[in-house]
Amino acid sequence: MYSGPITIAERHGYRLDSYGNGAAYTLTRLSDGASVFFQGDDADQFRADYRAADECAFSDRAERDLFQAYGDVMTLPA
């Protein structure tokens, strides 16, 4: 399926893993292991949002806010 994962960020209480050179991503909340998986158009949109956060003048805060915004769609491990 996808190669990886490669961890591209681990901060703000989250870990962001990339698969297949950005074809898919998993965002995991480290406190409880809840995560969300992005692929296809969702991965494309997440990548664009992540890059925009990184280029923002307040990139650290923007990245944290981006990660936290996905809290409602994260699922706990089985």
N, C-alpha and C. Protein backbone atom coordinates (compact mmCIF):
# COMPACT_ATOMS: atom_id res chain seq x y z
N MET A 1 0.83 -1.18 0.00
CA MET A 1 0.00 0.00 0.00
C MET A 1 0.88 1.24 0.00
N TYR A 2 1.23 1.77 1.19
CA TYR A 2 2.10 2.95 1.28
C TYR A 2 3.38 2.57 1.99
N SER A 3 4.49 3.19 1.59
CA SER A 3 5.73 3.01 2.34
C SER A 3 5.68 3.89 3.58
N GLY A 4 6.49 3.56 4.54
CA GLY A 4 6.54 4.39 5.75
C GLY A 4 6.10 3.59 6.95
N PRO A 5 5.78 4.19 8.02
CA PRO A 5 5.65 5.64 8.19
C PRO A 5 6.98 6.31 8.51
N ILE A 6 7.02 7.59 8.24
CA ILE A 6 8.13 8.44 8.61
C ILE A 6 7.55 9.55 9.48
N THR A 7 8.06 9.68 10.69
CA THR A 7 7.58 10.73 11.58
C THR A 7 8.15 12.06 11.12
N ILE A 8 7.27 13.01 10.81
CA ILE A 8 7.73 14.32 10.34
C ILE A 8 7.56 15.40 11.40
N ALA A 9 6.79 15.12 12.45
CA ALA A 9 6.65 16.08 13.55
C ALA A 9 6.23 15.32 14.80
N GLU A 10 6.79 15.73 15.92
CA GLU A 10 6.36 15.22 17.22
C GLU A 10 6.48 16.35 18.22
N ARG A 11 5.39 17.09 18.36
CA ARG A 11 5.36 18.24 19.26
C ARG A 11 3.91 18.62 19.55
N HIS A 12 3.74 19.46 20.54
CA HIS A 12 2.41 19.92 20.97
C HIS A 12 1.54 18.76 21.44
N GLY A 13 2.17 17.64 21.82
CA GLY A 13 1.41 16.48 22.28
C GLY A 13 0.89 15.61 21.16
N TYR A 14 1.40 15.79 19.95
CA TYR A 14 0.96 15.04 18.78
C TYR A 14 2.16 14.50 18.02
N ARG A 15 1.92 13.42 17.26
CA ARG A 15 2.93 12.90 16.33
C ARG A 15 2.27 12.85 14.95
N LEU A 16 2.97 13.34 13.96
CA LEU A 16 2.49 13.32 12.59
C LEU A 16 3.39 12.40 11.78
N ASP A 17 2.78 11.33 11.24
CA ASP A 17 3.51 10.37 10.43
C ASP A 17 3.05 10.48 8.98
N SER A 18 4.01 10.36 8.07
CA SER A 18 3.75 10.42 6.64
C SER A 18 3.98 9.04 6.03
N TYR A 19 3.12 8.68 5.10
CA TYR A 19 3.24 7.42 4.36
C TYR A 19 3.34 7.74 2.88
N GLY A 20 4.15 6.95 2.17
CA GLY A 20 4.22 7.09 0.72
C GLY A 20 4.58 8.48 0.26
N ASN A 21 5.57 9.11 0.93
CA ASN A 21 6.03 10.44 0.56
C ASN A 21 4.89 11.46 0.52
N GLY A 22 4.02 11.40 1.55
CA GLY A 22 2.94 12.38 1.65
C GLY A 22 1.63 11.95 1.01
N ALA A 23 1.54 10.70 0.58
CA ALA A 23 0.28 10.20 0.01
C ALA A 23 -0.78 10.01 1.09
N ALA A 24 -0.32 9.80 2.33
CA ALA A 24 -1.23 9.61 3.46
C ALA A 24 -0.52 10.07 4.73
N TYR A 25 -1.32 10.40 5.74
CA TYR A 25 -0.79 10.86 7.03
C TYR A 25 -1.61 10.25 8.16
N THR A 26 -0.96 10.05 9.29
CA THR A 26 -1.65 9.75 10.54
C THR A 26 -1.24 10.80 11.55
N LEU A 27 -2.22 11.42 12.18
CA LEU A 27 -2.00 12.37 13.25
C LEU A 27 -2.46 11.69 14.54
N THR A 28 -1.55 11.54 15.50
CA THR A 28 -1.82 10.82 16.73
C THR A 28 -1.65 11.74 17.93
N ARG A 29 -2.64 11.74 18.81
CA ARG A 29 -2.54 12.47 20.07
C ARG A 29 -1.79 11.56 21.04
N LEU A 30 -0.67 12.01 21.55
CA LEU A 30 0.21 11.16 22.34
C LEU A 30 -0.36 10.83 23.72
N SER A 31 -1.21 11.67 24.27
CA SER A 31 -1.71 11.43 25.62
C SER A 31 -2.58 10.17 25.72
N ASP A 32 -3.30 9.83 24.66
CA ASP A 32 -4.19 8.67 24.73
C ASP A 32 -4.12 7.76 23.51
N GLY A 33 -3.31 8.10 22.52
CA GLY A 33 -3.16 7.27 21.33
C GLY A 33 -4.26 7.45 20.30
N ALA A 34 -5.20 8.37 20.53
CA ALA A 34 -6.25 8.62 19.54
C ALA A 34 -5.60 9.15 18.26
N SER A 35 -6.18 8.78 17.12
CA SER A 35 -5.55 9.20 15.86
C SER A 35 -6.60 9.37 14.76
N VAL A 36 -6.14 10.01 13.70
CA VAL A 36 -6.93 10.17 12.49
C VAL A 36 -5.98 9.91 11.31
N PHE A 37 -6.50 9.22 10.28
CA PHE A 37 -5.74 8.86 9.10
C PHE A 37 -6.30 9.63 7.90
N PHE A 38 -5.41 10.23 7.13
CA PHE A 38 -5.79 11.00 5.94
C PHE A 38 -5.19 10.33 4.71
N GLN A 39 -5.96 10.22 3.65
CA GLN A 39 -5.43 9.77 2.36
C GLN A 39 -6.24 10.42 1.25
N GLY A 40 -5.74 10.34 0.04
CA GLY A 40 -6.45 10.93 -1.10
C GLY A 40 -6.60 12.43 -0.97
N ASP A 41 -7.80 12.92 -1.28
CA ASP A 41 -8.07 14.36 -1.21
C ASP A 41 -7.89 14.90 0.20
N ASP A 42 -8.23 14.10 1.20
CA ASP A 42 -8.07 14.54 2.59
C ASP A 42 -6.59 14.76 2.92
N ALA A 43 -5.72 13.88 2.43
CA ALA A 43 -4.28 14.05 2.64
C ALA A 43 -3.77 15.29 1.92
N ASP A 44 -4.28 15.53 0.72
CA ASP A 44 -3.88 16.73 -0.03
C ASP A 44 -4.26 18.00 0.73
N GLN A 45 -5.48 18.01 1.26
CA GLN A 45 -5.94 19.19 2.02
C GLN A 45 -5.15 19.35 3.31
N PHE A 46 -4.90 18.25 4.01
CA PHE A 46 -4.12 18.33 5.25
C PHE A 46 -2.73 18.86 4.96
N ARG A 47 -2.09 18.35 3.90
CA ARG A 47 -0.74 18.81 3.54
C ARG A 47 -0.74 20.31 3.25
N ALA A 48 -1.73 20.79 2.53
CA ALA A 48 -1.83 22.22 2.24
C ALA A 48 -2.01 23.03 3.52
N ASP A 49 -2.86 22.55 4.42
CA ASP A 49 -3.08 23.24 5.69
C ASP A 49 -1.82 23.23 6.56
N TYR A 50 -1.13 22.10 6.56
CA TYR A 50 0.10 21.97 7.35
C TYR A 50 1.18 22.91 6.81
N ARG A 51 1.32 22.97 5.52
CA ARG A 51 2.30 23.88 4.91
C ARG A 51 1.95 25.34 5.21
N ALA A 52 0.67 25.68 5.12
CA ALA A 52 0.24 27.05 5.42
C ALA A 52 0.56 27.39 6.87
N ALA A 53 0.34 26.46 7.78
CA ALA A 53 0.65 26.69 9.19
C ALA A 53 2.15 26.89 9.37
N ASP A 54 2.94 26.10 8.65
CA ASP A 54 4.40 26.19 8.76
C ASP A 54 4.93 27.52 8.23
N GLU A 55 4.25 28.09 7.24
CA GLU A 55 4.69 29.35 6.63
C GLU A 55 4.14 30.58 7.34
N CYS A 56 3.24 30.36 8.28
CA CYS A 56 2.61 31.46 9.02
C CYS A 56 3.64 32.14 9.93
N ALA A 57 3.44 33.41 10.18
CA ALA A 57 4.35 34.15 11.07
C ALA A 57 4.36 33.57 12.47
N PHE A 58 3.26 32.98 12.87
CA PHE A 58 3.16 32.33 14.19
C PHE A 58 3.03 30.83 13.97
N SER A 59 3.98 30.23 13.27
CA SER A 59 3.87 28.85 12.82
C SER A 59 3.72 27.85 13.96
N ASP A 60 4.38 28.07 15.08
CA ASP A 60 4.27 27.13 16.19
C ASP A 60 2.83 27.06 16.69
N ARG A 61 2.21 28.21 16.89
CA ARG A 61 0.82 28.26 17.34
C ARG A 61 -0.13 27.74 16.26
N ALA A 62 0.12 28.11 15.02
CA ALA A 62 -0.73 27.66 13.92
C ALA A 62 -0.70 26.14 13.77
N GLU A 63 0.47 25.55 13.94
CA GLU A 63 0.59 24.10 13.86
C GLU A 63 -0.17 23.44 15.01
N ARG A 64 0.00 23.95 16.21
CA ARG A 64 -0.71 23.41 17.37
C ARG A 64 -2.23 23.50 17.17
N ASP A 65 -2.70 24.64 16.70
CA ASP A 65 -4.13 24.82 16.45
C ASP A 65 -4.63 23.85 15.38
N LEU A 66 -3.84 23.64 14.34
CA LEU A 66 -4.22 22.71 13.28
C LEU A 66 -4.36 21.30 13.85
N PHE A 67 -3.38 20.86 14.62
CA PHE A 67 -3.43 19.52 15.20
C PHE A 67 -4.65 19.38 16.11
N GLN A 68 -4.89 20.37 16.95
CA GLN A 68 -6.00 20.30 17.89
C GLN A 68 -7.36 20.31 17.18
N ALA A 69 -7.43 20.91 16.03
CA ALA A 69 -8.69 20.99 15.29
C ALA A 69 -9.22 19.62 14.88
N TYR A 70 -8.35 18.63 14.82
CA TYR A 70 -8.76 17.29 14.43
C TYR A 70 -9.16 16.41 15.61
N GLY A 71 -9.16 16.94 16.81
CA GLY A 71 -9.49 16.17 18.00
C GLY A 71 -10.86 15.50 17.94
N ASP A 72 -11.84 16.17 17.34
CA ASP A 72 -13.20 15.62 17.29
C ASP A 72 -13.34 14.42 16.35
N VAL A 73 -12.43 14.25 15.42
CA VAL A 73 -12.55 13.13 14.48
C VAL A 73 -11.54 12.02 14.75
N MET A 74 -10.78 12.17 15.81
CA MET A 74 -9.81 11.13 16.17
C MET A 74 -10.52 9.96 16.83
N THR A 75 -9.99 8.75 16.60
CA THR A 75 -10.54 7.57 17.24
C THR A 75 -9.48 6.93 18.12
N LEU A 76 -9.93 6.33 19.19
CA LEU A 76 -9.02 5.63 20.10
C LEU A 76 -8.63 4.28 19.53
N PRO A 77 -7.43 3.81 19.86
CA PRO A 77 -7.03 2.49 19.37
C PRO A 77 -7.93 1.40 19.96
N ALA A 78 -8.13 0.36 19.19
CA ALA A 78 -9.00 -0.76 19.63
C ALA A 78 -8.36 -1.57 20.73
